[in-house]
Amino acid sequence: MRFAIVSDIHGNLPALNTVIEDAEKNGIDSFIFVGDYCLSNPYPDECISRIRNLDKKYSIRGNEEKYLENLIGKEQSAWTDGQMQISYYCYQKISSDNLNYLLSMPEMMQLDISGITLHLAHSSEKFIADCEHREWLPNKVAMRYKNRKITQTDFQADINKYFNEDKQFRAIFDELENGIYIFGHSHIQWNYQSDDGKKILINPGSCGLPLDYIDTGVPYTILDISDKDNIIVDERRVLFHLDKYIEILRQSEQYAKANIWSKVIIKELKTKREHLFFFLKFTEEYAAQIGDTKRPFSVSTWEKAYELWNASLHT
């Protein structure tokens, strides 16, 4: 069985289509999707429909799906803040059938393939506690590689060194049962295998919003299982016409309705690094300075914070 593992699409339909086309050319038998289908890019409903219409797939929920679930039954006339406009936009764009489909997905799943158990969850925390997130969330990767250009090979070598030496991880990993553990969430593509190949961790990275500093296309991972002794993990990066896509995003309804969020996302798409974390941190500090305790942030605070933060990036 050959699986295409895809995560963190975040409403980026052209990237999703690019990955699906590449996977089909590479003879995959089924797709595995591990969450975060919406928010940040302007095609939430289309992405869900694209996945629904695939004949062979396994899908679980991510953390972003909770934001949509929390809006069900809420009074939309109160949606006047600046911060959550991206969530409101997505909620209003997704059809009721697609929303029900999305929220019907399980949070975790297990598959038995050729006597091997595949464990699916959106976050690695379900399997290895905070061992990944302590050092390899996008904001920490942004600081780690701030003044360094890296390749996929460099990145994988750094990941391997970290996990080989981290005592907490070694203790947890040793206790895991044999199998393949698949997750996303961090927007960082990597894999790690035990010496005997019987335990494998796979993060396919973010199809729609990669944040691992690697500028060679959009990522996903092919998992090829012939039998217990023949497992191949192929990390792929597919050419994506980013400049063309950014122009489409700028002309989108999302850009008009969730302008600040869209501008930050464009920065992330261009640089392949985290910006949203730092912008939210800046906005929190700015709100504290002006004595604004309202949350979510008001339109005026949200827009002024972005103006100041964006200017600080160019000083």
C-alpha atoms as a PDB file:
ATOM      1  CA  MET A   1       0.000   0.000   0.000  1.00  0.00           C
ATOM      2  CA  ARG A   2       1.185   3.470  -0.886  1.00  0.00           C
ATOM      3  CA  PHE A   3      -0.249   6.369   1.098  1.00  0.00           C
ATOM      4  CA  ALA A   4       0.026  10.095   0.463  1.00  0.00           C
ATOM      5  CA  ILE A   5       0.117  11.789   3.876  1.00  0.00           C
ATOM      6  CA  VAL A   6      -1.120  15.394   3.838  1.00  0.00           C
ATOM      7  CA  SER A   7      -1.630  17.882   6.669  1.00  0.00           C
ATOM      8  CA  ASP A   8      -2.381  21.530   7.419  1.00  0.00           C
ATOM      9  CA  ILE A   9      -3.964  22.550   4.125  1.00  0.00           C
ATOM     10  CA  HIS A  10      -5.427  25.712   5.686  1.00  0.00           C
ATOM     11  CA  GLY A  11      -7.729  26.546   2.781  1.00  0.00           C
ATOM     12  CA  ASN A  12      -5.006  26.543   0.122  1.00  0.00           C
ATOM     13  CA  LEU A  13      -6.778  24.739  -2.723  1.00  0.00           C
ATOM     14  CA  PRO A  14      -4.096  25.234  -5.412  1.00  0.00           C
ATOM     15  CA  ALA A  15      -1.478  23.690  -3.111  1.00  0.00           C
ATOM     16  CA  LEU A  16      -3.815  20.798  -2.272  1.00  0.00           C
ATOM     17  CA  ASN A  17      -4.482  20.173  -5.961  1.00  0.00           C
ATOM     18  CA  THR A  18      -0.756  20.250  -6.684  1.00  0.00           C
ATOM     19  CA  VAL A  19      -0.084  17.619  -4.024  1.00  0.00           C
ATOM     20  CA  ILE A  20      -2.977  15.390  -5.100  1.00  0.00           C
ATOM     21  CA  GLU A  21      -1.848  15.480  -8.732  1.00  0.00           C
ATOM     22  CA  ASP A  22       1.721  14.590  -7.763  1.00  0.00           C
ATOM     23  CA  ALA A  23       0.550  11.790  -5.485  1.00  0.00           C
ATOM     24  CA  GLU A  24      -1.650  10.274  -8.185  1.00  0.00           C
ATOM     25  CA  LYS A  25       1.240  10.389 -10.665  1.00  0.00           C
ATOM     26  CA  ASN A  26       3.260   8.444  -8.091  1.00  0.00           C
ATOM     27  CA  GLY A  27       0.732   5.630  -7.907  1.00  0.00           C
ATOM     28  CA  ILE A  28      -0.614   6.075  -4.387  1.00  0.00           C
ATOM     29  CA  ASP A  29      -3.443   3.826  -3.247  1.00  0.00           C
ATOM     30  CA  SER A  30      -5.001   6.108  -0.647  1.00  0.00           C
ATOM     31  CA  PHE A  31      -4.669   9.481   1.063  1.00  0.00           C
ATOM     32  CA  ILE A  32      -4.212  10.141   4.765  1.00  0.00           C
ATOM     33  CA  PHE A  33      -5.264  13.624   5.933  1.00  0.00           C
ATOM     34  CA  VAL A  34      -4.389  14.651   9.480  1.00  0.00           C
ATOM     35  CA  GLY A  35      -6.263  17.895  10.029  1.00  0.00           C
ATOM     36  CA  ASP A  36      -6.418  21.686   9.721  1.00  0.00           C
ATOM     37  CA  TYR A  37      -8.283  21.963   6.433  1.00  0.00           C
ATOM     38  CA  CYS A  38      -9.387  25.607   6.803  1.00  0.00           C
ATOM     39  CA  LEU A  39      -8.394  29.065   8.045  1.00  0.00           C
ATOM     40  CA  SER A  40      -5.634  31.288   6.610  1.00  0.00           C
ATOM     41  CA  ASN A  41      -6.244  30.773   2.870  1.00  0.00           C
ATOM     42  CA  PRO A  42      -9.366  31.657   0.839  1.00  0.00           C
ATOM     43  CA  TYR A  43     -10.715  28.249  -0.262  1.00  0.00           C
ATOM     44  CA  PRO A  44     -12.032  26.498   2.863  1.00  0.00           C
ATOM     45  CA  ASP A  45     -15.190  25.064   1.305  1.00  0.00           C
ATOM     46  CA  GLU A  46     -13.455  24.002  -1.891  1.00  0.00           C
ATOM     47  CA  CYS A  47     -10.720  22.179   0.046  1.00  0.00           C
ATOM     48  CA  ILE A  48     -13.282  20.189   2.026  1.00  0.00           C
ATOM     49  CA  SER A  49     -15.186  19.307  -1.154  1.00  0.00           C
ATOM     50  CA  ARG A  50     -11.964  18.213  -2.863  1.00  0.00           C
ATOM     51  CA  ILE A  51     -11.204  15.808  -0.035  1.00  0.00           C
ATOM     52  CA  ARG A  52     -14.776  14.553   0.235  1.00  0.00           C
ATOM     53  CA  ASN A  53     -14.770  13.664  -3.458  1.00  0.00           C
ATOM     54  CA  LEU A  54     -11.628  11.541  -3.276  1.00  0.00           C
ATOM     55  CA  ASP A  55     -12.501   7.866  -3.512  1.00  0.00           C
ATOM     56  CA  LYS A  56      -9.888   6.533  -1.101  1.00  0.00           C
ATOM     57  CA  LYS A  57      -8.884   8.500   1.969  1.00  0.00           C
ATOM     58  CA  TYR A  58      -8.641   8.469   5.754  1.00  0.00           C
ATOM     59  CA  SER A  59      -9.267  11.809   7.480  1.00  0.00           C
ATOM     60  CA  ILE A  60      -9.095  13.121  11.035  1.00  0.00           C
ATOM     61  CA  ARG A  61      -9.743  16.536  12.593  1.00  0.00           C
ATOM     62  CA  GLY A  62      -7.188  19.171  13.506  1.00  0.00           C
ATOM     63  CA  ASN A  63      -7.240  21.956  16.080  1.00  0.00           C
ATOM     64  CA  GLU A  64      -8.483  24.591  13.603  1.00  0.00           C
ATOM     65  CA  GLU A  65     -11.744  22.695  13.152  1.00  0.00           C
ATOM     66  CA  LYS A  66     -12.595  23.563  16.761  1.00  0.00           C
ATOM     67  CA  TYR A  67     -12.702  27.276  15.905  1.00  0.00           C
ATOM     68  CA  LEU A  68     -15.475  26.571  13.410  1.00  0.00           C
ATOM     69  CA  GLU A  69     -17.350  24.298  15.790  1.00  0.00           C
ATOM     70  CA  ASN A  70     -17.298  27.029  18.450  1.00  0.00           C
ATOM     71  CA  LEU A  71     -19.134  29.408  16.101  1.00  0.00           C
ATOM     72  CA  ILE A  72     -22.155  27.172  15.582  1.00  0.00           C
ATOM     73  CA  GLY A  73     -25.309  28.887  16.838  1.00  0.00           C
ATOM     74  CA  LYS A  74     -23.517  32.140  17.698  1.00  0.00           C
ATOM     75  CA  GLU A  75     -25.046  35.537  16.876  1.00  0.00           C
ATOM     76  CA  GLN A  76     -23.250  36.742  13.766  1.00  0.00           C
ATOM     77  CA  SER A  77     -24.205  40.377  14.292  1.00  0.00           C
ATOM     78  CA  ALA A  78     -21.695  40.361  17.174  1.00  0.00           C
ATOM     79  CA  TRP A  79     -18.829  39.390  14.878  1.00  0.00           C
ATOM     80  CA  THR A  80     -17.374  42.895  14.721  1.00  0.00           C
ATOM     81  CA  ASP A  81     -13.862  42.445  16.112  1.00  0.00           C
ATOM     82  CA  GLY A  82     -10.735  42.427  13.981  1.00  0.00           C
ATOM     83  CA  GLN A  83      -8.890  39.390  15.282  1.00  0.00           C
ATOM     84  CA  MET A  84     -11.392  36.641  14.480  1.00  0.00           C
ATOM     85  CA  GLN A  85     -12.477  37.801  11.030  1.00  0.00           C
ATOM     86  CA  ILE A  86     -10.653  34.876   9.408  1.00  0.00           C
ATOM     87  CA  SER A  87     -12.755  32.410  11.430  1.00  0.00           C
ATOM     88  CA  TYR A  88     -15.973  34.271  10.612  1.00  0.00           C
ATOM     89  CA  TYR A  89     -15.078  34.309   6.913  1.00  0.00           C
ATOM     90  CA  CYS A  90     -14.435  30.563   6.875  1.00  0.00           C
ATOM     91  CA  TYR A  91     -17.574  29.737   8.803  1.00  0.00           C
ATOM     92  CA  GLN A  92     -19.714  31.769   6.430  1.00  0.00           C
ATOM     93  CA  LYS A  93     -18.086  30.293   3.306  1.00  0.00           C
ATOM     94  CA  ILE A  94     -18.355  26.608   4.247  1.00  0.00           C
ATOM     95  CA  SER A  95     -21.571  24.839   3.262  1.00  0.00           C
ATOM     96  CA  SER A  96     -23.550  23.140   6.013  1.00  0.00           C
ATOM     97  CA  ASP A  97     -22.925  19.724   4.435  1.00  0.00           C
ATOM     98  CA  ASN A  98     -19.184  20.305   4.319  1.00  0.00           C
ATOM     99  CA  LEU A  99     -19.128  21.639   7.873  1.00  0.00           C
ATOM    100  CA  ASN A 100     -20.993  18.574   9.127  1.00  0.00           C
ATOM    101  CA  TYR A 101     -18.570  16.353   7.213  1.00  0.00           C
ATOM    102  CA  LEU A 102     -15.595  18.166   8.705  1.00  0.00           C
ATOM    103  CA  LEU A 103     -16.868  17.996  12.269  1.00  0.00           C
ATOM    104  CA  SER A 104     -17.840  14.331  11.920  1.00  0.00           C
ATOM    105  CA  MET A 105     -14.181  13.358  11.502  1.00  0.00           C
ATOM    106  CA  PRO A 106     -12.611  11.563  14.480  1.00  0.00           C
ATOM    107  CA  GLU A 107      -9.767  13.190  16.385  1.00  0.00           C
ATOM    108  CA  MET A 108      -7.645  10.032  16.229  1.00  0.00           C
ATOM    109  CA  MET A 109      -7.610   6.847  14.159  1.00  0.00           C
ATOM    110  CA  GLN A 110      -5.792   3.531  13.929  1.00  0.00           C
ATOM    111  CA  LEU A 111      -5.302   1.500  10.752  1.00  0.00           C
ATOM    112  CA  ASP A 112      -3.966  -2.026  10.397  1.00  0.00           C
ATOM    113  CA  ILE A 113      -1.952  -2.323   7.177  1.00  0.00           C
ATOM    114  CA  SER A 114      -0.098  -5.555   6.452  1.00  0.00           C
ATOM    115  CA  GLY A 115       0.166  -6.273  10.162  1.00  0.00           C
ATOM    116  CA  ILE A 116       1.487  -2.784  10.932  1.00  0.00           C
ATOM    117  CA  THR A 117      -0.520  -0.335  13.030  1.00  0.00           C
ATOM    118  CA  LEU A 118      -0.767   3.236  11.789  1.00  0.00           C
ATOM    119  CA  HIS A 119      -1.643   5.711  14.539  1.00  0.00           C
ATOM    120  CA  LEU A 120      -3.160   9.005  13.313  1.00  0.00           C
ATOM    121  CA  ALA A 121      -3.513  12.229  15.317  1.00  0.00           C
ATOM    122  CA  HIS A 122      -3.195  15.892  14.437  1.00  0.00           C
ATOM    123  CA  SER A 123      -0.495  16.665  16.990  1.00  0.00           C
ATOM    124  CA  SER A 124       2.600  14.718  18.001  1.00  0.00           C
ATOM    125  CA  GLU A 125       1.699  15.502  21.627  1.00  0.00           C
ATOM    126  CA  LYS A 126      -0.690  12.532  21.479  1.00  0.00           C
ATOM    127  CA  PHE A 127       2.320  10.240  21.063  1.00  0.00           C
ATOM    128  CA  ILE A 128       5.523  11.920  22.313  1.00  0.00           C
ATOM    129  CA  ALA A 129       4.236  14.599  24.730  1.00  0.00           C
ATOM    130  CA  ASP A 130       5.958  17.962  24.094  1.00  0.00           C
ATOM    131  CA  CYS A 131       9.186  16.507  22.706  1.00  0.00           C
ATOM    132  CA  GLU A 132       8.630  18.004  19.250  1.00  0.00           C
ATOM    133  CA  HIS A 133       6.960  21.223  20.326  1.00  0.00           C
ATOM    134  CA  ARG A 134       9.584  22.219  22.908  1.00  0.00           C
ATOM    135  CA  GLU A 135      12.061  22.975  20.134  1.00  0.00           C
ATOM    136  CA  TRP A 136      10.399  22.518  16.750  1.00  0.00           C
ATOM    137  CA  LEU A 137       7.265  24.647  16.641  1.00  0.00           C
ATOM    138  CA  PRO A 138       7.378  27.227  13.807  1.00  0.00           C
ATOM    139  CA  ASN A 139       8.230  30.176  16.080  1.00  0.00           C
ATOM    140  CA  LYS A 140      11.201  28.256  17.505  1.00  0.00           C
ATOM    141  CA  VAL A 141      12.323  27.138  14.075  1.00  0.00           C
ATOM    142  CA  ALA A 142      12.172  30.786  12.987  1.00  0.00           C
ATOM    143  CA  MET A 143      14.574  31.730  15.769  1.00  0.00           C
ATOM    144  CA  ARG A 144      16.812  28.682  15.258  1.00  0.00           C
ATOM    145  CA  TYR A 145      17.377  29.409  11.555  1.00  0.00           C
ATOM    146  CA  LYS A 146      17.028  33.186  11.680  1.00  0.00           C
ATOM    147  CA  ASN A 147      20.318  33.892   9.923  1.00  0.00           C
ATOM    148  CA  ARG A 148      20.831  30.590   8.140  1.00  0.00           C
ATOM    149  CA  LYS A 149      19.735  29.104   4.856  1.00  0.00           C
ATOM    150  CA  ILE A 150      18.947  25.393   5.104  1.00  0.00           C
ATOM    151  CA  THR A 151      18.085  22.468   2.881  1.00  0.00           C
ATOM    152  CA  GLN A 152      15.741  19.584   3.586  1.00  0.00           C
ATOM    153  CA  THR A 153      18.808  17.421   4.257  1.00  0.00           C
ATOM    154  CA  ASP A 154      20.149  19.957   6.782  1.00  0.00           C
ATOM    155  CA  PHE A 155      16.817  20.113   8.536  1.00  0.00           C
ATOM    156  CA  GLN A 156      16.441  16.336   8.810  1.00  0.00           C
ATOM    157  CA  ALA A 157      19.985  16.030  10.166  1.00  0.00           C
ATOM    158  CA  ASP A 158      19.215  18.613  12.872  1.00  0.00           C
ATOM    159  CA  ILE A 159      15.972  16.803  13.793  1.00  0.00           C
ATOM    160  CA  ASN A 160      17.768  13.456  14.021  1.00  0.00           C
ATOM    161  CA  LYS A 161      20.511  14.894  16.220  1.00  0.00           C
ATOM    162  CA  TYR A 162      17.962  16.475  18.537  1.00  0.00           C
ATOM    163  CA  PHE A 163      15.895  13.325  19.006  1.00  0.00           C
ATOM    164  CA  ASN A 164      18.961  11.114  19.326  1.00  0.00           C
ATOM    165  CA  GLU A 165      20.214  13.239  22.218  1.00  0.00           C
ATOM    166  CA  ASP A 166      17.003  14.294  23.999  1.00  0.00           C
ATOM    167  CA  LYS A 167      16.590  12.143  27.136  1.00  0.00           C
ATOM    168  CA  GLN A 168      12.873  12.797  27.580  1.00  0.00           C
ATOM    169  CA  PHE A 169      12.190  11.794  24.002  1.00  0.00           C
ATOM    170  CA  ARG A 170      14.344   8.658  24.259  1.00  0.00           C
ATOM    171  CA  ALA A 171      12.397   7.495  27.316  1.00  0.00           C
ATOM    172  CA  ILE A 172       9.000   8.093  25.678  1.00  0.00           C
ATOM    173  CA  PHE A 173      10.013   6.689  22.290  1.00  0.00           C
ATOM    174  CA  ASP A 174      11.362   3.505  23.862  1.00  0.00           C
ATOM    175  CA  GLU A 175       7.978   2.903  25.505  1.00  0.00           C
ATOM    176  CA  LEU A 176       5.951   3.320  22.302  1.00  0.00           C
ATOM    177  CA  GLU A 177       4.613   0.138  20.795  1.00  0.00           C
ATOM    178  CA  ASN A 178       5.890  -0.751  17.349  1.00  0.00           C
ATOM    179  CA  GLY A 179       4.044   1.004  14.566  1.00  0.00           C
ATOM    180  CA  ILE A 180       3.888   4.153  12.465  1.00  0.00           C
ATOM    181  CA  TYR A 181       2.813   7.409  14.116  1.00  0.00           C
ATOM    182  CA  ILE A 182       1.446  10.065  11.762  1.00  0.00           C
ATOM    183  CA  PHE A 183       0.656  13.678  12.710  1.00  0.00           C
ATOM    184  CA  GLY A 184       1.002  17.284  11.567  1.00  0.00           C
ATOM    185  CA  HIS A 185       0.245  20.607  13.309  1.00  0.00           C
ATOM    186  CA  SER A 186       3.770  22.035  13.502  1.00  0.00           C
ATOM    187  CA  HIS A 187       3.994  22.837   9.755  1.00  0.00           C
ATOM    188  CA  ILE A 188       7.427  21.180   9.818  1.00  0.00           C
ATOM    189  CA  GLN A 189       8.192  18.190   7.580  1.00  0.00           C
ATOM    190  CA  TRP A 190      10.288  15.478   9.234  1.00  0.00           C
ATOM    191  CA  ASN A 191      10.439  11.799  10.073  1.00  0.00           C
ATOM    192  CA  TYR A 192      12.280   9.706  12.626  1.00  0.00           C
ATOM    193  CA  GLN A 193      12.795   5.954  12.777  1.00  0.00           C
ATOM    194  CA  SER A 194      14.073   3.499  15.358  1.00  0.00           C
ATOM    195  CA  ASP A 195      17.249   1.629  14.490  1.00  0.00           C
ATOM    196  CA  ASP A 196      15.293  -1.520  13.643  1.00  0.00           C
ATOM    197  CA  GLY A 197      12.705   0.420  11.597  1.00  0.00           C
ATOM    198  CA  LYS A 198       9.788  -0.876  13.658  1.00  0.00           C
ATOM    199  CA  LYS A 199       8.832   2.525  15.066  1.00  0.00           C
ATOM    200  CA  ILE A 200       8.415   5.453  12.695  1.00  0.00           C
ATOM    201  CA  LEU A 201       7.275   9.027  13.342  1.00  0.00           C
ATOM    202  CA  ILE A 202       6.017  10.993  10.316  1.00  0.00           C
ATOM    203  CA  ASN A 203       5.120  14.662  10.050  1.00  0.00           C
ATOM    204  CA  PRO A 204       4.368  15.535   6.391  1.00  0.00           C
ATOM    205  CA  GLY A 205       4.646  19.277   7.023  1.00  0.00           C
ATOM    206  CA  SER A 206       2.036  21.794   5.904  1.00  0.00           C
ATOM    207  CA  CYS A 207       0.691  21.433   2.386  1.00  0.00           C
ATOM    208  CA  GLY A 208      -0.946  24.869   2.450  1.00  0.00           C
ATOM    209  CA  LEU A 209       1.359  26.902   4.689  1.00  0.00           C
ATOM    210  CA  PRO A 210       4.855  25.396   5.116  1.00  0.00           C
ATOM    211  CA  LEU A 211       6.907  27.092   7.847  1.00  0.00           C
ATOM    212  CA  ASP A 212      10.154  25.128   7.885  1.00  0.00           C
ATOM    213  CA  TYR A 213      12.326  27.609   5.957  1.00  0.00           C
ATOM    214  CA  ILE A 214      12.676  25.201   3.027  1.00  0.00           C
ATOM    215  CA  ASP A 215      11.891  26.959  -0.245  1.00  0.00           C
ATOM    216  CA  THR A 216      11.591  24.015  -2.620  1.00  0.00           C
ATOM    217  CA  GLY A 217       7.834  23.595  -2.985  1.00  0.00           C
ATOM    218  CA  VAL A 218       4.883  22.391  -0.924  1.00  0.00           C
ATOM    219  CA  PRO A 219       5.422  19.261   1.188  1.00  0.00           C
ATOM    220  CA  TYR A 220       3.712  15.959   1.699  1.00  0.00           C
ATOM    221  CA  THR A 221       5.000  12.456   2.435  1.00  0.00           C
ATOM    222  CA  ILE A 222       4.528   9.141   0.646  1.00  0.00           C
ATOM    223  CA  LEU A 223       4.462   6.074   2.891  1.00  0.00           C
ATOM    224  CA  ASP A 224       5.063   2.826   1.022  1.00  0.00           C
ATOM    225  CA  ILE A 225       4.310  -0.373   2.970  1.00  0.00           C
ATOM    226  CA  SER A 226       5.065  -3.648   1.229  1.00  0.00           C
ATOM    227  CA  ASP A 227       5.256  -5.662   4.455  1.00  0.00           C
ATOM    228  CA  LYS A 228       6.687  -5.356   7.974  1.00  0.00           C
ATOM    229  CA  ASP A 229      10.227  -5.406   6.652  1.00  0.00           C
ATOM    230  CA  ASN A 230       9.721  -3.150   3.642  1.00  0.00           C
ATOM    231  CA  ILE A 231       8.632   0.361   4.599  1.00  0.00           C
ATOM    232  CA  ILE A 232       9.753   3.436   2.676  1.00  0.00           C
ATOM    233  CA  VAL A 233       9.182   7.038   3.787  1.00  0.00           C
ATOM    234  CA  ASP A 234       9.521   9.490   0.896  1.00  0.00           C
ATOM    235  CA  GLU A 235       9.396  13.180   1.846  1.00  0.00           C
ATOM    236  CA  ARG A 236       8.311  15.122  -1.205  1.00  0.00           C
ATOM    237  CA  ARG A 237       8.295  18.842  -2.075  1.00  0.00           C
ATOM    238  CA  VAL A 238       6.233  19.768  -5.135  1.00  0.00           C
ATOM    239  CA  LEU A 239       6.803  22.852  -7.274  1.00  0.00           C
ATOM    240  CA  PHE A 240       4.152  25.482  -6.550  1.00  0.00           C
ATOM    241  CA  HIS A 241       3.605  28.787  -8.387  1.00  0.00           C
ATOM    242  CA  LEU A 242       3.670  30.954  -5.280  1.00  0.00           C
ATOM    243  CA  ASP A 243       3.757  34.418  -6.866  1.00  0.00           C
ATOM    244  CA  LYS A 244       0.695  33.643  -8.959  1.00  0.00           C
ATOM    245  CA  TYR A 245      -1.124  32.268  -5.930  1.00  0.00           C
ATOM    246  CA  ILE A 246      -0.329  35.328  -3.786  1.00  0.00           C
ATOM    247  CA  GLU A 247      -1.862  37.572  -6.450  1.00  0.00           C
ATOM    248  CA  ILE A 248      -5.001  35.414  -6.368  1.00  0.00           C
ATOM    249  CA  LEU A 249      -5.093  35.707  -2.578  1.00  0.00           C
ATOM    250  CA  ARG A 250      -4.798  39.504  -2.779  1.00  0.00           C
ATOM    251  CA  GLN A 251      -7.818  39.621  -5.082  1.00  0.00           C
ATOM    252  CA  SER A 252      -9.883  37.258  -2.911  1.00  0.00           C
ATOM    253  CA  GLU A 253     -12.892  37.971  -0.747  1.00  0.00           C
ATOM    254  CA  GLN A 254     -10.873  36.765   2.235  1.00  0.00           C
ATOM    255  CA  TYR A 255      -8.281  39.493   1.673  1.00  0.00           C
ATOM    256  CA  ALA A 256     -11.043  42.098   1.837  1.00  0.00           C
ATOM    257  CA  LYS A 257     -12.830  40.632   4.862  1.00  0.00           C
ATOM    258  CA  ALA A 258      -9.823  39.430   6.890  1.00  0.00           C
ATOM    259  CA  ASN A 259      -7.238  41.844   5.567  1.00  0.00           C
ATOM    260  CA  ILE A 260      -4.662  41.893   8.352  1.00  0.00           C
ATOM    261  CA  TRP A 261      -4.692  38.138   8.794  1.00  0.00           C
ATOM    262  CA  SER A 262      -4.292  37.683   5.032  1.00  0.00           C
ATOM    263  CA  LYS A 263      -1.325  40.064   4.939  1.00  0.00           C
ATOM    264  CA  VAL A 264       0.436  38.122   7.688  1.00  0.00           C
ATOM    265  CA  ILE A 265      -0.243  34.852   5.870  1.00  0.00           C
ATOM    266  CA  ILE A 266       1.282  36.288   2.695  1.00  0.00           C
ATOM    267  CA  LYS A 267       4.452  37.046   4.666  1.00  0.00           C
ATOM    268  CA  GLU A 268       4.512  33.439   5.852  1.00  0.00           C
ATOM    269  CA  LEU A 269       3.932  32.061   2.369  1.00  0.00           C
ATOM    270  CA  LYS A 270       6.757  34.179   0.960  1.00  0.00           C
ATOM    271  CA  THR A 271       9.330  33.455   3.669  1.00  0.00           C
ATOM    272  CA  LYS A 272       8.324  29.897   4.733  1.00  0.00           C
ATOM    273  CA  ARG A 273       8.680  31.064   8.325  1.00  0.00           C
ATOM    274  CA  GLU A 274       6.403  31.899  11.254  1.00  0.00           C
ATOM    275  CA  HIS A 275       5.063  35.456  11.504  1.00  0.00           C
ATOM    276  CA  LEU A 276       1.628  35.085  13.068  1.00  0.00           C
ATOM    277  CA  PHE A 277       2.964  34.064  16.491  1.00  0.00           C
ATOM    278  CA  PHE A 278       5.172  37.152  16.615  1.00  0.00           C
ATOM    279  CA  PHE A 279       2.420  39.460  15.386  1.00  0.00           C
ATOM    280  CA  LEU A 280      -0.036  38.184  18.022  1.00  0.00           C
ATOM    281  CA  LYS A 281       2.618  38.629  20.715  1.00  0.00           C
ATOM    282  CA  PHE A 282       3.265  42.198  19.485  1.00  0.00           C
ATOM    283  CA  THR A 283      -0.473  42.951  19.448  1.00  0.00           C
ATOM    284  CA  GLU A 284      -0.873  41.687  23.012  1.00  0.00           C
ATOM    285  CA  GLU A 285       1.961  43.954  24.154  1.00  0.00           C
ATOM    286  CA  TYR A 286       0.562  46.924  22.229  1.00  0.00           C
ATOM    287  CA  ALA A 287      -2.911  46.414  23.724  1.00  0.00           C
ATOM    288  CA  ALA A 288      -1.400  46.336  27.199  1.00  0.00           C
ATOM    289  CA  GLN A 289       0.432  49.612  26.529  1.00  0.00           C
ATOM    290  CA  ILE A 290      -2.771  51.421  25.532  1.00  0.00           C
ATOM    291  CA  GLY A 291      -4.843  49.808  28.283  1.00  0.00           C
ATOM    292  CA  ASP A 292      -7.061  47.805  25.906  1.00  0.00           C
ATOM    293  CA  THR A 293      -8.334  44.684  27.688  1.00  0.00           C
ATOM    294  CA  LYS A 294     -10.958  43.720  25.095  1.00  0.00           C
ATOM    295  CA  ARG A 295     -10.529  40.279  23.535  1.00  0.00           C
ATOM    296  CA  PRO A 296     -10.752  39.364  20.722  1.00  0.00           C
ATOM    297  CA  PHE A 297      -8.889  42.480  19.663  1.00  0.00           C
ATOM    298  CA  SER A 298     -11.019  45.285  18.260  1.00  0.00           C
ATOM    299  CA  VAL A 299     -10.613  46.400  14.659  1.00  0.00           C
ATOM    300  CA  SER A 300      -8.782  49.591  15.688  1.00  0.00           C
ATOM    301  CA  THR A 301      -6.297  47.801  17.966  1.00  0.00           C
ATOM    302  CA  TRP A 302      -5.782  44.999  15.444  1.00  0.00           C
ATOM    303  CA  GLU A 303      -5.108  47.351  12.539  1.00  0.00           C
ATOM    304  CA  LYS A 304      -2.889  49.784  14.463  1.00  0.00           C
ATOM    305  CA  ALA A 305      -0.853  46.921  15.912  1.00  0.00           C
ATOM    306  CA  TYR A 306      -0.263  45.570  12.425  1.00  0.00           C
ATOM    307  CA  GLU A 307       0.794  48.991  11.155  1.00  0.00           C
ATOM    308  CA  LEU A 308       3.358  49.323  13.959  1.00  0.00           C
ATOM    309  CA  TRP A 309       4.545  45.712  13.769  1.00  0.00           C
ATOM    310  CA  ASN A 310       4.959  45.803   9.997  1.00  0.00           C
ATOM    311  CA  ALA A 311       6.935  49.040  10.237  1.00  0.00           C
ATOM    312  CA  SER A 312       9.208  47.467  12.860  1.00  0.00           C
ATOM    313  CA  LEU A 313      10.123  44.687  10.429  1.00  0.00           C
ATOM    314  CA  HIS A 314      11.625  47.223   8.056  1.00  0.00           C
ATOM    315  CA  THR A 315      13.630  49.298  10.545  1.00  0.00           C
END
